[in-house]
Amino acid sequence: MSDKGNRPSSEQIDEDKLMTFPCDFALKVMGEDINDYSAYVLSICQKHVKGVTESCVHTRPSRNGKYIAVTVQLVATSRQQLDDLYIELNAYEHTKMAL
C-alpha cells in the first residue's frame, strides 16, 4: 500500500519555507588539499556573506592527506545567497563536493 497521496510532491514543496532566514548555517566543502584550499573557500564565503572570518573556518584533513574538509559557520540571509555560494564553490576544479 502506497502513502504517496499523503506526501507533497517535490513540485509542491516551497523550498524557501524549509529554512527561515537569516539563520546560522554550517557550509561543508570537500576539496583537494592543495593551493591552500581552505583560504580559497574562506575568500568565496567572504565574497557572499558579511562577517565571515578565519575563526569561522574549521578544517579536517583526510586520512591520507589528499583531501581536506572545510566547514564554515556563517549566517545565511537567503536561499539565493546559499545557491550562489554552492555554484561558485562547485565550479572550482579542486572542489569535490559542497553540502
N, C-alpha and C. Protein backbone atom coordinates (compact mmCIF):
# COMPACT_ATOMS: atom_id res chain seq x y z
N MET A 1 0.84 -1.18 0.00
CA MET A 1 0.00 0.00 0.00
C MET A 1 0.88 1.25 0.00
N SER A 2 0.63 2.16 -0.87
CA SER A 2 1.45 3.36 -1.00
C SER A 2 0.83 4.53 -0.26
N ASP A 3 1.73 5.32 0.36
CA ASP A 3 1.24 6.54 1.01
C ASP A 3 1.62 7.76 0.19
N LYS A 4 1.87 7.56 -1.08
CA LYS A 4 2.27 8.64 -1.98
C LYS A 4 1.27 9.79 -1.97
N GLY A 5 0.01 9.48 -1.83
CA GLY A 5 -1.01 10.52 -1.81
C GLY A 5 -0.96 11.39 -0.58
N ASN A 6 -0.28 10.94 0.47
CA ASN A 6 -0.18 11.71 1.71
C ASN A 6 1.00 12.66 1.74
N ARG A 7 1.92 12.52 0.82
CA ARG A 7 3.12 13.35 0.79
C ARG A 7 3.02 14.38 -0.33
N PRO A 8 3.50 15.59 -0.07
CA PRO A 8 3.52 16.56 -1.16
C PRO A 8 4.60 16.18 -2.17
N SER A 9 4.33 16.42 -3.42
CA SER A 9 5.34 16.16 -4.43
C SER A 9 6.42 17.22 -4.31
N SER A 10 7.57 16.96 -4.91
CA SER A 10 8.67 17.92 -4.84
C SER A 10 8.26 19.25 -5.46
N GLU A 11 7.33 19.22 -6.39
CA GLU A 11 6.85 20.44 -7.02
C GLU A 11 5.99 21.26 -6.07
N GLN A 12 5.38 20.61 -5.07
CA GLN A 12 4.51 21.31 -4.14
C GLN A 12 5.26 21.90 -2.95
N ILE A 13 6.51 21.48 -2.72
CA ILE A 13 7.28 21.96 -1.58
C ILE A 13 7.90 23.30 -1.94
N ASP A 14 7.64 24.29 -1.13
CA ASP A 14 8.25 25.60 -1.31
C ASP A 14 9.56 25.60 -0.54
N GLU A 15 10.68 25.47 -1.25
CA GLU A 15 11.98 25.32 -0.60
C GLU A 15 12.33 26.51 0.28
N ASP A 16 11.86 27.70 -0.02
CA ASP A 16 12.16 28.86 0.80
C ASP A 16 11.54 28.72 2.19
N LYS A 17 10.50 27.92 2.32
CA LYS A 17 9.85 27.75 3.61
C LYS A 17 10.53 26.68 4.46
N LEU A 18 11.46 25.91 3.89
CA LEU A 18 12.17 24.90 4.65
C LEU A 18 13.16 25.52 5.62
N MET A 19 13.61 26.71 5.31
CA MET A 19 14.54 27.43 6.17
C MET A 19 14.00 28.83 6.42
N THR A 20 14.25 29.34 7.59
CA THR A 20 13.87 30.71 7.91
C THR A 20 15.14 31.55 7.94
N PHE A 21 15.16 32.61 7.18
CA PHE A 21 16.34 33.47 7.07
C PHE A 21 16.13 34.75 7.84
N PRO A 22 17.19 35.31 8.40
CA PRO A 22 18.56 34.79 8.45
C PRO A 22 18.64 33.61 9.42
N CYS A 23 19.67 32.76 9.20
CA CYS A 23 19.87 31.60 10.07
C CYS A 23 21.34 31.22 10.11
N ASP A 24 21.73 30.61 11.23
CA ASP A 24 23.08 30.06 11.33
C ASP A 24 23.16 28.88 10.39
N PHE A 25 24.28 28.76 9.69
CA PHE A 25 24.42 27.72 8.69
C PHE A 25 25.85 27.20 8.70
N ALA A 26 26.01 25.91 8.65
CA ALA A 26 27.34 25.29 8.55
C ALA A 26 27.53 24.80 7.12
N LEU A 27 28.33 25.52 6.38
CA LEU A 27 28.64 25.16 5.00
C LEU A 27 29.78 24.16 5.03
N LYS A 28 29.61 23.02 4.39
CA LYS A 28 30.63 21.98 4.38
C LYS A 28 31.10 21.75 2.96
N VAL A 29 32.42 21.81 2.79
CA VAL A 29 33.02 21.68 1.47
C VAL A 29 34.19 20.69 1.57
N MET A 30 34.33 19.85 0.57
CA MET A 30 35.45 18.91 0.50
C MET A 30 36.20 19.18 -0.78
N GLY A 31 37.53 19.28 -0.66
CA GLY A 31 38.33 19.52 -1.85
C GLY A 31 39.72 18.94 -1.73
N GLU A 32 40.47 19.04 -2.80
CA GLU A 32 41.86 18.58 -2.80
C GLU A 32 42.66 19.53 -1.91
N ASP A 33 43.52 18.96 -1.08
CA ASP A 33 44.30 19.77 -0.14
C ASP A 33 45.55 20.33 -0.83
N ILE A 34 45.30 21.26 -1.77
CA ILE A 34 46.39 21.92 -2.50
C ILE A 34 46.09 23.40 -2.60
N ASN A 35 47.14 24.17 -2.82
CA ASN A 35 47.00 25.61 -3.06
C ASN A 35 46.17 26.31 -1.97
N ASP A 36 46.34 25.90 -0.72
CA ASP A 36 45.61 26.49 0.41
C ASP A 36 44.11 26.54 0.14
N TYR A 37 43.55 25.38 -0.07
CA TYR A 37 42.14 25.23 -0.41
C TYR A 37 41.23 25.92 0.60
N SER A 38 41.54 25.81 1.89
CA SER A 38 40.68 26.43 2.90
C SER A 38 40.66 27.95 2.76
N ALA A 39 41.76 28.55 2.35
CA ALA A 39 41.79 30.01 2.12
C ALA A 39 40.90 30.38 0.93
N TYR A 40 40.88 29.51 -0.09
CA TYR A 40 40.00 29.74 -1.24
C TYR A 40 38.54 29.72 -0.78
N VAL A 41 38.17 28.70 -0.01
CA VAL A 41 36.79 28.59 0.48
C VAL A 41 36.43 29.82 1.31
N LEU A 42 37.33 30.24 2.19
CA LEU A 42 37.09 31.44 3.00
C LEU A 42 36.87 32.66 2.12
N SER A 43 37.68 32.83 1.09
CA SER A 43 37.54 34.02 0.23
C SER A 43 36.20 34.04 -0.50
N ILE A 44 35.73 32.87 -0.93
CA ILE A 44 34.43 32.81 -1.61
C ILE A 44 33.31 33.12 -0.62
N CYS A 45 33.42 32.57 0.59
CA CYS A 45 32.40 32.86 1.61
C CYS A 45 32.37 34.34 1.95
N GLN A 46 33.54 34.96 2.07
CA GLN A 46 33.60 36.39 2.38
C GLN A 46 33.02 37.23 1.26
N LYS A 47 33.11 36.76 0.04
CA LYS A 47 32.53 37.46 -1.12
C LYS A 47 31.01 37.50 -1.04
N HIS A 48 30.41 36.44 -0.49
CA HIS A 48 28.96 36.31 -0.48
C HIS A 48 28.29 36.60 0.87
N VAL A 49 29.08 36.54 1.97
CA VAL A 49 28.50 36.66 3.30
C VAL A 49 29.32 37.63 4.14
N LYS A 50 28.66 38.61 4.72
CA LYS A 50 29.35 39.56 5.59
C LYS A 50 29.69 38.90 6.92
N GLY A 51 30.82 39.29 7.48
CA GLY A 51 31.19 38.85 8.82
C GLY A 51 31.89 37.52 8.91
N VAL A 52 32.22 36.89 7.80
CA VAL A 52 32.93 35.61 7.84
C VAL A 52 34.42 35.90 8.00
N THR A 53 35.02 35.31 9.03
CA THR A 53 36.45 35.49 9.30
C THR A 53 37.12 34.13 9.40
N GLU A 54 38.43 34.12 9.56
CA GLU A 54 39.18 32.87 9.69
C GLU A 54 38.69 32.05 10.87
N SER A 55 38.21 32.73 11.92
CA SER A 55 37.74 31.99 13.10
C SER A 55 36.46 31.21 12.81
N CYS A 56 35.80 31.49 11.71
CA CYS A 56 34.57 30.77 11.31
C CYS A 56 34.88 29.48 10.56
N VAL A 57 36.14 29.28 10.22
CA VAL A 57 36.55 28.15 9.38
C VAL A 57 37.20 27.06 10.23
N HIS A 58 36.75 25.83 10.01
CA HIS A 58 37.32 24.67 10.67
C HIS A 58 37.68 23.66 9.58
N THR A 59 38.87 23.07 9.70
CA THR A 59 39.32 22.13 8.69
C THR A 59 39.66 20.77 9.30
N ARG A 60 39.59 19.76 8.45
CA ARG A 60 39.97 18.40 8.87
C ARG A 60 40.53 17.70 7.64
N PRO A 61 41.80 17.29 7.71
CA PRO A 61 42.39 16.59 6.57
C PRO A 61 41.88 15.15 6.48
N SER A 62 41.90 14.61 5.28
CA SER A 62 41.54 13.21 5.11
C SER A 62 42.66 12.33 5.67
N ARG A 63 42.38 11.07 5.81
CA ARG A 63 43.35 10.13 6.39
C ARG A 63 44.67 10.14 5.62
N ASN A 64 44.59 10.17 4.32
CA ASN A 64 45.82 10.12 3.51
C ASN A 64 46.36 11.51 3.17
N GLY A 65 45.66 12.56 3.57
CA GLY A 65 46.14 13.92 3.34
C GLY A 65 45.88 14.47 1.95
N LYS A 66 45.21 13.73 1.12
CA LYS A 66 44.95 14.21 -0.25
C LYS A 66 43.82 15.23 -0.28
N TYR A 67 42.85 15.09 0.63
CA TYR A 67 41.68 15.97 0.65
C TYR A 67 41.58 16.70 1.99
N ILE A 68 40.80 17.75 1.98
CA ILE A 68 40.54 18.49 3.21
C ILE A 68 39.05 18.83 3.28
N ALA A 69 38.49 18.64 4.45
CA ALA A 69 37.10 19.02 4.69
C ALA A 69 37.12 20.40 5.36
N VAL A 70 36.35 21.31 4.81
CA VAL A 70 36.29 22.68 5.33
C VAL A 70 34.85 22.96 5.75
N THR A 71 34.66 23.37 6.99
CA THR A 71 33.35 23.78 7.48
C THR A 71 33.43 25.26 7.82
N VAL A 72 32.47 26.01 7.29
CA VAL A 72 32.41 27.45 7.55
C VAL A 72 31.09 27.75 8.25
N GLN A 73 31.17 28.29 9.46
CA GLN A 73 29.98 28.71 10.19
C GLN A 73 29.65 30.13 9.74
N LEU A 74 28.44 30.32 9.24
CA LEU A 74 28.06 31.64 8.74
C LEU A 74 26.59 31.90 9.01
N VAL A 75 26.19 33.13 8.76
CA VAL A 75 24.78 33.50 8.87
C VAL A 75 24.26 33.69 7.46
N ALA A 76 23.40 32.78 7.04
CA ALA A 76 22.80 32.85 5.70
C ALA A 76 21.61 33.78 5.73
N THR A 77 21.50 34.61 4.71
CA THR A 77 20.41 35.58 4.67
C THR A 77 19.34 35.24 3.63
N SER A 78 19.65 34.32 2.70
CA SER A 78 18.64 33.94 1.70
C SER A 78 19.03 32.64 1.02
N ARG A 79 18.06 32.02 0.41
CA ARG A 79 18.30 30.80 -0.38
C ARG A 79 19.19 31.14 -1.57
N GLN A 80 18.96 32.29 -2.18
CA GLN A 80 19.77 32.70 -3.33
C GLN A 80 21.24 32.84 -2.95
N GLN A 81 21.50 33.40 -1.78
CA GLN A 81 22.87 33.54 -1.30
C GLN A 81 23.55 32.17 -1.19
N LEU A 82 22.85 31.20 -0.62
CA LEU A 82 23.41 29.86 -0.48
C LEU A 82 23.61 29.21 -1.85
N ASP A 83 22.65 29.38 -2.74
CA ASP A 83 22.78 28.83 -4.09
C ASP A 83 24.01 29.41 -4.79
N ASP A 84 24.21 30.72 -4.66
CA ASP A 84 25.36 31.37 -5.29
C ASP A 84 26.67 30.83 -4.72
N LEU A 85 26.71 30.62 -3.42
CA LEU A 85 27.90 30.04 -2.77
C LEU A 85 28.19 28.66 -3.35
N TYR A 86 27.18 27.80 -3.37
CA TYR A 86 27.36 26.43 -3.86
C TYR A 86 27.80 26.42 -5.32
N ILE A 87 27.21 27.26 -6.13
CA ILE A 87 27.57 27.31 -7.56
C ILE A 87 29.04 27.68 -7.72
N GLU A 88 29.47 28.73 -7.02
CA GLU A 88 30.85 29.18 -7.17
C GLU A 88 31.84 28.17 -6.59
N LEU A 89 31.53 27.60 -5.44
CA LEU A 89 32.43 26.62 -4.84
C LEU A 89 32.54 25.36 -5.69
N ASN A 90 31.42 24.89 -6.23
CA ASN A 90 31.44 23.69 -7.06
C ASN A 90 32.09 23.90 -8.42
N ALA A 91 32.16 25.14 -8.87
CA ALA A 91 32.77 25.43 -10.17
C ALA A 91 34.30 25.32 -10.10
N TYR A 92 34.86 25.39 -8.91
CA TYR A 92 36.32 25.33 -8.75
C TYR A 92 36.79 23.90 -9.00
N GLU A 93 37.80 23.74 -9.81
CA GLU A 93 38.25 22.42 -10.23
C GLU A 93 38.73 21.52 -9.08
N HIS A 94 39.15 22.10 -7.96
CA HIS A 94 39.66 21.29 -6.85
C HIS A 94 38.59 20.94 -5.82
N THR A 95 37.37 21.45 -6.01
CA THR A 95 36.27 21.10 -5.11
C THR A 95 35.69 19.77 -5.54
N LYS A 96 35.50 18.88 -4.57
CA LYS A 96 34.91 17.58 -4.85
C LYS A 96 33.42 17.58 -4.51
N MET A 97 33.03 18.28 -3.45
CA MET A 97 31.60 18.40 -3.11
C MET A 97 31.39 19.52 -2.11
N ALA A 98 30.20 20.09 -2.16
CA ALA A 98 29.80 21.12 -1.21
C ALA A 98 28.42 20.74 -0.69
N LEU A 99 28.25 20.76 0.63
CA LEU A 99 26.98 20.37 1.26
C LEU A 99 26.46 21.53 2.09
